[in-house]
Amino acid sequence: RDIWYSKDEKLINKYKYLIMLDLSDKELEKLALK
């Protein structure tokens, strides 16, 4: 989950399907756009 706050786009893209599991509704909407 901390990867989401790191703003590291490469890591976010690698783990996005794990990151999404515990994001808040507003954070999830931002990731969903990608």
PDB file of all heavy atoms in Angstrom:
ATOM      1  N   ARG A   1       0.833  -1.213   0.000  1.00  0.00           N
ATOM      2  CA  ARG A   1       0.000   0.000   0.000  1.00  0.00           C
ATOM      3  C   ARG A   1       0.863   1.257   0.000  1.00  0.00           C
ATOM      4  O   ARG A   1       0.515   2.276  -0.602  1.00  0.00           O
ATOM      5  CB  ARG A   1      -0.929  -0.002   1.217  1.00  0.00           C
ATOM      6  CG  ARG A   1      -2.084   0.988   1.118  1.00  0.00           C
ATOM      7  CD  ARG A   1      -3.011   0.845   2.318  1.00  0.00           C
ATOM      8  NE  ARG A   1      -4.250   1.590   2.147  1.00  0.00           N
ATOM      9  CZ  ARG A   1      -4.374   2.897   2.335  1.00  0.00           C
ATOM     10  NH1 ARG A   1      -3.329   3.593   2.693  1.00  0.00           N
ATOM     11  NH2 ARG A   1      -5.548   3.492   2.153  1.00  0.00           N
ATOM     12  N   ASP A   2       2.008   1.203   0.682  1.00  0.00           N
ATOM     13  CA  ASP A   2       2.912   2.355   0.728  1.00  0.00           C
ATOM     14  C   ASP A   2       3.442   2.727  -0.658  1.00  0.00           C
ATOM     15  O   ASP A   2       3.822   3.886  -0.893  1.00  0.00           O
ATOM     16  CB  ASP A   2       4.096   2.078   1.658  1.00  0.00           C
ATOM     17  CG  ASP A   2       3.700   2.109   3.139  1.00  0.00           C
ATOM     18  OD1 ASP A   2       2.594   2.617   3.446  1.00  0.00           O
ATOM     19  OD2 ASP A   2       4.483   1.625   3.973  1.00  0.00           O
ATOM     20  N   ILE A   3       3.493   1.751  -1.554  1.00  0.00           N
ATOM     21  CA  ILE A   3       3.966   2.032  -2.916  1.00  0.00           C
ATOM     22  C   ILE A   3       3.093   3.093  -3.576  1.00  0.00           C
ATOM     23  O   ILE A   3       3.568   3.942  -4.340  1.00  0.00           O
ATOM     24  CB  ILE A   3       3.969   0.733  -3.757  1.00  0.00           C
ATOM     25  CG1 ILE A   3       5.030  -0.241  -3.226  1.00  0.00           C
ATOM     26  CG2 ILE A   3       4.226   1.035  -5.237  1.00  0.00           C
ATOM     27  CD1 ILE A   3       5.002  -1.608  -3.885  1.00  0.00           C
ATOM     28  N   TRP A   4       1.788   3.061  -3.263  1.00  0.00           N
ATOM     29  CA  TRP A   4       0.863   4.038  -3.831  1.00  0.00           C
ATOM     30  C   TRP A   4       1.265   5.467  -3.461  1.00  0.00           C
ATOM     31  O   TRP A   4       1.174   6.386  -4.274  1.00  0.00           O
ATOM     32  CB  TRP A   4      -0.557   3.742  -3.343  1.00  0.00           C
ATOM     33  CG  TRP A   4      -1.559   4.793  -3.691  1.00  0.00           C
ATOM     34  CD1 TRP A   4      -2.178   5.665  -2.842  1.00  0.00           C
ATOM     35  CD2 TRP A   4      -2.086   5.095  -4.994  1.00  0.00           C
ATOM     36  NE1 TRP A   4      -3.046   6.481  -3.509  1.00  0.00           N
ATOM     37  CE2 TRP A   4      -3.016   6.150  -4.843  1.00  0.00           C
ATOM     38  CE3 TRP A   4      -1.862   4.567  -6.263  1.00  0.00           C
ATOM     39  CZ2 TRP A   4      -3.710   6.684  -5.914  1.00  0.00           C
ATOM     40  CZ3 TRP A   4      -2.554   5.106  -7.336  1.00  0.00           C
ATOM     41  CH2 TRP A   4      -3.471   6.150  -7.161  1.00  0.00           C
ATOM     42  N   TYR A   5       1.743   5.645  -2.238  1.00  0.00           N
ATOM     43  CA  TYR A   5       2.127   6.975  -1.765  1.00  0.00           C
ATOM     44  C   TYR A   5       3.537   7.361  -2.198  1.00  0.00           C
ATOM     45  O   TYR A   5       3.923   8.521  -2.104  1.00  0.00           O
ATOM     46  CB  TYR A   5       2.026   7.031  -0.235  1.00  0.00           C
ATOM     47  CG  TYR A   5       0.638   6.721   0.273  1.00  0.00           C
ATOM     48  CD1 TYR A   5       0.376   5.533   0.950  1.00  0.00           C
ATOM     49  CD2 TYR A   5      -0.417   7.598   0.062  1.00  0.00           C
ATOM     50  CE1 TYR A   5      -0.908   5.227   1.398  1.00  0.00           C
ATOM     51  CE2 TYR A   5      -1.695   7.309   0.506  1.00  0.00           C
ATOM     52  CZ  TYR A   5      -1.925   6.118   1.171  1.00  0.00           C
ATOM     53  OH  TYR A   5      -3.193   5.821   1.608  1.00  0.00           O
ATOM     54  N   SER A   6       4.299   6.390  -2.661  1.00  0.00           N
ATOM     55  CA  SER A   6       5.669   6.672  -3.091  1.00  0.00           C
ATOM     56  C   SER A   6       5.712   7.436  -4.406  1.00  0.00           C
ATOM     57  O   SER A   6       6.744   8.017  -4.756  1.00  0.00           O
ATOM     58  CB  SER A   6       6.453   5.370  -3.234  1.00  0.00           C
ATOM     59  OG  SER A   6       6.024   4.652  -4.394  1.00  0.00           O
ATOM     60  N   LYS A   7       4.625   7.361  -5.171  1.00  0.00           N
ATOM     61  CA  LYS A   7       4.539   8.006  -6.494  1.00  0.00           C
ATOM     62  C   LYS A   7       5.505   7.387  -7.505  1.00  0.00           C
ATOM     63  O   LYS A   7       5.789   7.983  -8.551  1.00  0.00           O
ATOM     64  CB  LYS A   7       4.801   9.522  -6.401  1.00  0.00           C
ATOM     65  CG  LYS A   7       3.942  10.252  -5.386  1.00  0.00           C
ATOM     66  CD  LYS A   7       2.462  10.133  -5.692  1.00  0.00           C
ATOM     67  CE  LYS A   7       1.628  10.925  -4.684  1.00  0.00           C
ATOM     68  NZ  LYS A   7       0.177  10.794  -4.918  1.00  0.00           N
ATOM     69  N   ASP A   8       6.008   6.205  -7.182  1.00  0.00           N
ATOM     70  CA  ASP A   8       6.897   5.496  -8.110  1.00  0.00           C
ATOM     71  C   ASP A   8       6.021   4.790  -9.141  1.00  0.00           C
ATOM     72  O   ASP A   8       5.473   3.715  -8.891  1.00  0.00           O
ATOM     73  CB  ASP A   8       7.746   4.482  -7.330  1.00  0.00           C
ATOM     74  CG  ASP A   8       8.812   3.804  -8.194  1.00  0.00           C
ATOM     75  OD1 ASP A   8       8.546   3.575  -9.393  1.00  0.00           O
ATOM     76  OD2 ASP A   8       9.884   3.485  -7.660  1.00  0.00           O
ATOM     77  N   GLU A   9       5.880   5.379 -10.318  1.00  0.00           N
ATOM     78  CA  GLU A   9       4.961   4.876 -11.329  1.00  0.00           C
ATOM     79  C   GLU A   9       5.309   3.463 -11.793  1.00  0.00           C
ATOM     80  O   GLU A   9       4.427   2.655 -12.086  1.00  0.00           O
ATOM     81  CB  GLU A   9       4.932   5.830 -12.532  1.00  0.00           C
ATOM     82  CG  GLU A   9       4.309   7.182 -12.245  1.00  0.00           C
ATOM     83  CD  GLU A   9       2.843   7.060 -11.824  1.00  0.00           C
ATOM     84  OE1 GLU A   9       2.150   6.142 -12.320  1.00  0.00           O
ATOM     85  OE2 GLU A   9       2.393   7.873 -11.006  1.00  0.00           O
ATOM     86  N   LYS A  10       6.597   3.147 -11.832  1.00  0.00           N
ATOM     87  CA  LYS A  10       7.012   1.820 -12.267  1.00  0.00           C
ATOM     88  C   LYS A  10       6.551   0.756 -11.279  1.00  0.00           C
ATOM     89  O   LYS A  10       6.003  -0.290 -11.670  1.00  0.00           O
ATOM     90  CB  LYS A  10       8.533   1.777 -12.417  1.00  0.00           C
ATOM     91  CG  LYS A  10       9.047   0.465 -13.000  1.00  0.00           C
ATOM     92  CD  LYS A  10      10.549   0.518 -13.220  1.00  0.00           C
ATOM     93  CE  LYS A  10      11.055  -0.808 -13.808  1.00  0.00           C
ATOM     94  NZ  LYS A  10      12.536  -0.758 -14.043  1.00  0.00           N
ATOM     95  N   LEU A  11       6.749   1.015  -9.988  1.00  0.00           N
ATOM     96  CA  LEU A  11       6.322   0.061  -8.959  1.00  0.00           C
ATOM     97  C   LEU A  11       4.805   0.009  -8.847  1.00  0.00           C
ATOM     98  O   LEU A  11       4.215  -1.052  -8.649  1.00  0.00           O
ATOM     99  CB  LEU A  11       6.927   0.436  -7.601  1.00  0.00           C
ATOM    100  CG  LEU A  11       8.333  -0.076  -7.309  1.00  0.00           C
ATOM    101  CD1 LEU A  11       8.797   0.394  -5.942  1.00  0.00           C
ATOM    102  CD2 LEU A  11       8.406  -1.593  -7.414  1.00  0.00           C
ATOM    103  N   ILE A  12       4.167   1.166  -8.981  1.00  0.00           N
ATOM    104  CA  ILE A  12       2.701   1.207  -8.917  1.00  0.00           C
ATOM    105  C   ILE A  12       2.110   0.343 -10.026  1.00  0.00           C
ATOM    106  O   ILE A  12       1.172  -0.425  -9.804  1.00  0.00           O
ATOM    107  CB  ILE A  12       2.186   2.654  -9.021  1.00  0.00           C
ATOM    108  CG1 ILE A  12       2.526   3.419  -7.732  1.00  0.00           C
ATOM    109  CG2 ILE A  12       0.674   2.686  -9.264  1.00  0.00           C
ATOM    110  CD1 ILE A  12       2.198   4.900  -7.790  1.00  0.00           C
ATOM    111  N   ASN A  13       2.668   0.469 -11.220  1.00  0.00           N
ATOM    112  CA  ASN A  13       2.167  -0.322 -12.346  1.00  0.00           C
ATOM    113  C   ASN A  13       2.421  -1.819 -12.131  1.00  0.00           C
ATOM    114  O   ASN A  13       1.585  -2.656 -12.488  1.00  0.00           O
ATOM    115  CB  ASN A  13       2.834   0.135 -13.642  1.00  0.00           C
ATOM    116  CG  ASN A  13       2.225  -0.521 -14.867  1.00  0.00           C
ATOM    117  OD1 ASN A  13       1.031  -0.399 -15.136  1.00  0.00           O
ATOM    118  ND2 ASN A  13       3.044  -1.248 -15.603  1.00  0.00           N
ATOM    119  N   LYS A  14       3.555  -2.155 -11.516  1.00  0.00           N
ATOM    120  CA  LYS A  14       3.890  -3.554 -11.276  1.00  0.00           C
ATOM    121  C   LYS A  14       2.932  -4.199 -10.269  1.00  0.00           C
ATOM    122  O   LYS A  14       2.508  -5.350 -10.450  1.00  0.00           O
ATOM    123  CB  LYS A  14       5.326  -3.665 -10.766  1.00  0.00           C
ATOM    124  CG  LYS A  14       5.752  -5.095 -10.457  1.00  0.00           C
ATOM    125  CD  LYS A  14       7.207  -5.153  -9.983  1.00  0.00           C
ATOM    126  CE  LYS A  14       7.615  -6.596  -9.665  1.00  0.00           C
ATOM    127  NZ  LYS A  14       9.048  -6.681  -9.233  1.00  0.00           N
ATOM    128  N   TYR A  15       2.583  -3.460  -9.225  1.00  0.00           N
ATOM    129  CA  TYR A  15       1.796  -4.032  -8.127  1.00  0.00           C
ATOM    130  C   TYR A  15       0.376  -3.483  -8.048  1.00  0.00           C
ATOM    131  O   TYR A  15      -0.302  -3.660  -7.041  1.00  0.00           O
ATOM    132  CB  TYR A  15       2.506  -3.760  -6.797  1.00  0.00           C
ATOM    133  CG  TYR A  15       3.775  -4.539  -6.604  1.00  0.00           C
ATOM    134  CD1 TYR A  15       5.011  -3.902  -6.618  1.00  0.00           C
ATOM    135  CD2 TYR A  15       3.748  -5.913  -6.403  1.00  0.00           C
ATOM    136  CE1 TYR A  15       6.196  -4.610  -6.434  1.00  0.00           C
ATOM    137  CE2 TYR A  15       4.920  -6.639  -6.217  1.00  0.00           C
ATOM    138  CZ  TYR A  15       6.138  -5.985  -6.228  1.00  0.00           C
ATOM    139  OH  TYR A  15       7.298  -6.695  -6.050  1.00  0.00           O
ATOM    140  N   LYS A  16      -0.122  -2.857  -9.110  1.00  0.00           N
ATOM    141  CA  LYS A  16      -1.409  -2.167  -9.045  1.00  0.00           C
ATOM    142  C   LYS A  16      -2.572  -3.064  -8.630  1.00  0.00           C
ATOM    143  O   LYS A  16      -3.503  -2.628  -7.951  1.00  0.00           O
ATOM    144  CB  LYS A  16      -1.718  -1.502 -10.388  1.00  0.00           C
ATOM    145  CG  LYS A  16      -1.745  -2.456 -11.579  1.00  0.00           C
ATOM    146  CD  LYS A  16      -1.839  -1.686 -12.889  1.00  0.00           C
ATOM    147  CE  LYS A  16      -1.688  -2.616 -14.087  1.00  0.00           C
ATOM    148  NZ  LYS A  16      -1.660  -1.871 -15.366  1.00  0.00           N
ATOM    149  N   TYR A  17      -2.514  -4.368  -9.022  1.00  0.00           N
ATOM    150  CA  TYR A  17      -3.623  -5.264  -8.689  1.00  0.00           C
ATOM    151  C   TYR A  17      -3.563  -5.745  -7.242  1.00  0.00           C
ATOM    152  O   TYR A  17      -4.521  -6.314  -6.739  1.00  0.00           O
ATOM    153  CB  TYR A  17      -3.663  -6.443  -9.652  1.00  0.00           C
ATOM    154  CG  TYR A  17      -3.866  -6.012 -11.084  1.00  0.00           C
ATOM    155  CD1 TYR A  17      -2.949  -6.340 -12.073  1.00  0.00           C
ATOM    156  CD2 TYR A  17      -4.967  -5.224 -11.438  1.00  0.00           C
ATOM    157  CE1 TYR A  17      -3.120  -5.916 -13.388  1.00  0.00           C
ATOM    158  CE2 TYR A  17      -5.139  -4.801 -12.744  1.00  0.00           C
ATOM    159  CZ  TYR A  17      -4.212  -5.143 -13.712  1.00  0.00           C
ATOM    160  OH  TYR A  17      -4.395  -4.713 -15.007  1.00  0.00           O
ATOM    161  N   LEU A  18      -2.441  -5.525  -6.590  1.00  0.00           N
ATOM    162  CA  LEU A  18      -2.348  -5.732  -5.148  1.00  0.00           C
ATOM    163  C   LEU A  18      -2.630  -4.433  -4.406  1.00  0.00           C
ATOM    164  O   LEU A  18      -3.312  -4.425  -3.372  1.00  0.00           O
ATOM    165  CB  LEU A  18      -0.958  -6.256  -4.772  1.00  0.00           C
ATOM    166  CG  LEU A  18      -0.676  -7.729  -5.070  1.00  0.00           C
ATOM    167  CD1 LEU A  18       0.808  -8.030  -4.904  1.00  0.00           C
ATOM    168  CD2 LEU A  18      -1.500  -8.638  -4.186  1.00  0.00           C
ATOM    169  N   ILE A  19      -2.120  -3.326  -4.934  1.00  0.00           N
ATOM    170  CA  ILE A  19      -2.333  -2.016  -4.312  1.00  0.00           C
ATOM    171  C   ILE A  19      -3.821  -1.703  -4.185  1.00  0.00           C
ATOM    172  O   ILE A  19      -4.291  -1.197  -3.169  1.00  0.00           O
ATOM    173  CB  ILE A  19      -1.630  -0.910  -5.128  1.00  0.00           C
ATOM    174  CG1 ILE A  19      -0.113  -1.062  -5.029  1.00  0.00           C
ATOM    175  CG2 ILE A  19      -2.050   0.479  -4.663  1.00  0.00           C
ATOM    176  CD1 ILE A  19       0.672  -0.150  -5.967  1.00  0.00           C
ATOM    177  N   MET A  20      -4.591  -2.038  -5.223  1.00  0.00           N
ATOM    178  CA  MET A  20      -6.011  -1.680  -5.250  1.00  0.00           C
ATOM    179  C   MET A  20      -6.812  -2.319  -4.119  1.00  0.00           C
ATOM    180  O   MET A  20      -7.870  -1.823  -3.728  1.00  0.00           O
ATOM    181  CB  MET A  20      -6.632  -2.063  -6.599  1.00  0.00           C
ATOM    182  CG  MET A  20      -6.797  -3.554  -6.820  1.00  0.00           C
ATOM    183  SD  MET A  20      -7.491  -3.915  -8.474  1.00  0.00           S
ATOM    184  CE  MET A  20      -7.681  -5.712  -8.367  1.00  0.00           C
ATOM    185  N   LEU A  21      -6.312  -3.413  -3.558  1.00  0.00           N
ATOM    186  CA  LEU A  21      -7.092  -4.184  -2.594  1.00  0.00           C
ATOM    187  C   LEU A  21      -7.396  -3.444  -1.301  1.00  0.00           C
ATOM    188  O   LEU A  21      -8.378  -3.751  -0.626  1.00  0.00           O
ATOM    189  CB  LEU A  21      -6.367  -5.498  -2.266  1.00  0.00           C
ATOM    190  CG  LEU A  21      -6.151  -6.462  -3.421  1.00  0.00           C
ATOM    191  CD1 LEU A  21      -5.419  -7.702  -2.938  1.00  0.00           C
ATOM    192  CD2 LEU A  21      -7.478  -6.838  -4.079  1.00  0.00           C
ATOM    193  N   ASP A  22      -6.562  -2.457  -0.943  1.00  0.00           N
ATOM    194  CA  ASP A  22      -6.792  -1.769   0.333  1.00  0.00           C
ATOM    195  C   ASP A  22      -6.760  -0.253   0.213  1.00  0.00           C
ATOM    196  O   ASP A  22      -6.478   0.454   1.175  1.00  0.00           O
ATOM    197  CB  ASP A  22      -5.763  -2.234   1.371  1.00  0.00           C
ATOM    198  CG  ASP A  22      -6.154  -1.838   2.789  1.00  0.00           C
ATOM    199  OD1 ASP A  22      -7.360  -1.852   3.098  1.00  0.00           O
ATOM    200  OD2 ASP A  22      -5.256  -1.507   3.594  1.00  0.00           O
ATOM    201  N   LEU A  23      -7.063   0.268  -0.978  1.00  0.00           N
ATOM    202  CA  LEU A  23      -7.149   1.717  -1.139  1.00  0.00           C
ATOM    203  C   LEU A  23      -8.510   2.221  -0.695  1.00  0.00           C
ATOM    204  O   LEU A  23      -9.508   1.505  -0.751  1.00  0.00           O
ATOM    205  CB  LEU A  23      -6.931   2.095  -2.606  1.00  0.00           C
ATOM    206  CG  LEU A  23      -5.519   1.926  -3.182  1.00  0.00           C
ATOM    207  CD1 LEU A  23      -5.486   2.387  -4.629  1.00  0.00           C
ATOM    208  CD2 LEU A  23      -4.482   2.680  -2.355  1.00  0.00           C
ATOM    209  N   SER A  24      -8.549   3.473  -0.262  1.00  0.00           N
ATOM    210  CA  SER A  24      -9.826   4.099   0.059  1.00  0.00           C
ATOM    211  C   SER A  24     -10.604   4.309  -1.239  1.00  0.00           C
ATOM    212  O   SER A  24     -10.053   4.178  -2.338  1.00  0.00           O
ATOM    213  CB  SER A  24      -9.596   5.443   0.754  1.00  0.00           C
ATOM    214  OG  SER A  24      -9.054   6.388  -0.167  1.00  0.00           O
ATOM    215  N   ASP A  25     -11.884   4.645  -1.112  1.00  0.00           N
ATOM    216  CA  ASP A  25     -12.699   4.803  -2.319  1.00  0.00           C
ATOM    217  C   ASP A  25     -12.158   5.894  -3.242  1.00  0.00           C
ATOM    218  O   ASP A  25     -12.110   5.728  -4.458  1.00  0.00           O
ATOM    219  CB  ASP A  25     -14.167   5.061  -1.953  1.00  0.00           C
ATOM    220  CG  ASP A  25     -14.327   6.215  -0.974  1.00  0.00           C
ATOM    221  OD1 ASP A  25     -13.316   6.647  -0.379  1.00  0.00           O
ATOM    222  OD2 ASP A  25     -15.464   6.669  -0.793  1.00  0.00           O
ATOM    223  N   LYS A  26     -11.713   7.017  -2.672  1.00  0.00           N
ATOM    224  CA  LYS A  26     -11.210   8.117  -3.502  1.00  0.00           C
ATOM    225  C   LYS A  26      -9.868   7.775  -4.135  1.00  0.00           C
ATOM    226  O   LYS A  26      -9.607   8.113  -5.297  1.00  0.00           O
ATOM    227  CB  LYS A  26     -11.092   9.389  -2.663  1.00  0.00           C
ATOM    228  CG  LYS A  26     -12.453   9.943  -2.237  1.00  0.00           C
ATOM    229  CD  LYS A  26     -12.308  11.230  -1.450  1.00  0.00           C
ATOM    230  CE  LYS A  26     -13.685  11.778  -1.065  1.00  0.00           C
ATOM    231  NZ  LYS A  26     -13.578  13.026  -0.277  1.00  0.00           N
ATOM    232  N   GLU A  27      -8.999   7.109  -3.376  1.00  0.00           N
ATOM    233  CA  GLU A  27      -7.710   6.689  -3.933  1.00  0.00           C
ATOM    234  C   GLU A  27      -7.916   5.668  -5.047  1.00  0.00           C
ATOM    235  O   GLU A  27      -7.231   5.703  -6.081  1.00  0.00           O
ATOM    236  CB  GLU A  27      -6.847   6.077  -2.828  1.00  0.00           C
ATOM    237  CG  GLU A  27      -6.402   7.075  -1.776  1.00  0.00           C
ATOM    238  CD  GLU A  27      -5.786   6.396  -0.563  1.00  0.00           C
ATOM    239  OE1 GLU A  27      -6.169   5.238  -0.250  1.00  0.00           O
ATOM    240  OE2 GLU A  27      -4.931   7.032   0.074  1.00  0.00           O
ATOM    241  N   LEU A  28      -8.858   4.780  -4.844  1.00  0.00           N
ATOM    242  CA  LEU A  28      -9.143   3.742  -5.832  1.00  0.00           C
ATOM    243  C   LEU A  28      -9.639   4.350  -7.136  1.00  0.00           C
ATOM    244  O   LEU A  28      -9.291   3.886  -8.228  1.00  0.00           O
ATOM    245  CB  LEU A  28     -10.168   2.767  -5.271  1.00  0.00           C
ATOM    246  CG  LEU A  28     -10.453   1.507  -6.095  1.00  0.00           C
ATOM    247  CD1 LEU A  28      -9.183   0.736  -6.385  1.00  0.00           C
ATOM    248  CD2 LEU A  28     -11.469   0.627  -5.370  1.00  0.00           C
ATOM    249  N   GLU A  29     -10.443   5.388  -7.040  1.00  0.00           N
ATOM    250  CA  GLU A  29     -10.937   6.054  -8.244  1.00  0.00           C
ATOM    251  C   GLU A  29      -9.788   6.625  -9.067  1.00  0.00           C
ATOM    252  O   GLU A  29      -9.803   6.590 -10.300  1.00  0.00           O
ATOM    253  CB  GLU A  29     -11.919   7.155  -7.853  1.00  0.00           C
ATOM    254  CG  GLU A  29     -13.272   6.617  -7.381  1.00  0.00           C
ATOM    255  CD  GLU A  29     -14.213   7.730  -6.961  1.00  0.00           C
ATOM    256  OE1 GLU A  29     -13.815   8.911  -7.050  1.00  0.00           O
ATOM    257  OE2 GLU A  29     -15.339   7.413  -6.543  1.00  0.00           O
ATOM    258  N   LYS A  30      -8.769   7.144  -8.397  1.00  0.00           N
ATOM    259  CA  LYS A  30      -7.612   7.695  -9.111  1.00  0.00           C
ATOM    260  C   LYS A  30      -6.851   6.595  -9.849  1.00  0.00           C
ATOM    261  O   LYS A  30      -6.446   6.769 -10.990  1.00  0.00           O
ATOM    262  CB  LYS A  30      -6.680   8.400  -8.122  1.00  0.00           C
ATOM    263  CG  LYS A  30      -7.274   9.665  -7.505  1.00  0.00           C
ATOM    264  CD  LYS A  30      -6.301  10.290  -6.512  1.00  0.00           C
ATOM    265  CE  LYS A  30      -6.907  11.531  -5.873  1.00  0.00           C
ATOM    266  NZ  LYS A  30      -5.992  12.133  -4.864  1.00  0.00           N
ATOM    267  N   LEU A  31      -6.657   5.454  -9.167  1.00  0.00           N
ATOM    268  CA  LEU A  31      -5.946   4.343  -9.803  1.00  0.00           C
ATOM    269  C   LEU A  31      -6.780   3.750 -10.935  1.00  0.00           C
ATOM    270  O   LEU A  31      -6.248   3.302 -11.952  1.00  0.00           O
ATOM    271  CB  LEU A  31      -5.616   3.266  -8.760  1.00  0.00           C
ATOM    272  CG  LEU A  31      -4.779   2.071  -9.232  1.00  0.00           C
ATOM    273  CD1 LEU A  31      -3.433   2.537  -9.792  1.00  0.00           C
ATOM    274  CD2 LEU A  31      -4.559   1.078  -8.098  1.00  0.00           C
ATOM    275  N   ALA A  32      -8.090   3.757 -10.765  1.00  0.00           N
ATOM    276  CA  ALA A  32      -8.988   3.184 -11.773  1.00  0.00           C
ATOM    277  C   ALA A  32      -8.914   3.939 -13.094  1.00  0.00           C
ATOM    278  O   ALA A  32      -9.189   3.368 -14.162  1.00  0.00           O
ATOM    279  CB  ALA A  32     -10.421   3.171 -11.250  1.00  0.00           C
ATOM    280  N   LEU A  33      -8.558   5.198 -13.043  1.00  0.00           N
ATOM    281  CA  LEU A  33      -8.437   5.992 -14.268  1.00  0.00           C
ATOM    282  C   LEU A  33      -7.299   5.491 -15.160  1.00  0.00           C
ATOM    283  O   LEU A  33      -7.283   5.741 -16.356  1.00  0.00           O
ATOM    284  CB  LEU A  33      -8.203   7.466 -13.918  1.00  0.00           C
ATOM    285  CG  LEU A  33      -9.359   8.190 -13.207  1.00  0.00           C
ATOM    286  CD1 LEU A  33      -8.923   9.591 -12.807  1.00  0.00           C
ATOM    287  CD2 LEU A  33     -10.579   8.246 -14.115  1.00  0.00           C
ATOM    288  N   LYS A  34      -6.368   4.752 -14.573  1.00  0.00           N
ATOM    289  CA  LYS A  34      -5.184   4.310 -15.300  1.00  0.00           C
ATOM    290  C   LYS A  34      -5.287   2.883 -15.830  1.00  0.00           C
ATOM    291  O   LYS A  34      -4.430   2.441 -16.596  1.00  0.00           O
ATOM    292  CB  LYS A  34      -3.945   4.422 -14.405  1.00  0.00           C
ATOM    293  CG  LYS A  34      -3.690   5.824 -13.866  1.00  0.00           C
ATOM    294  CD  LYS A  34      -2.461   5.842 -12.956  1.00  0.00           C
ATOM    295  CE  LYS A  34      -2.202   7.231 -12.409  1.00  0.00           C
ATOM    296  NZ  LYS A  34      -0.987   7.270 -11.558  1.00  0.00           N
TER     297      LYS A  34
END
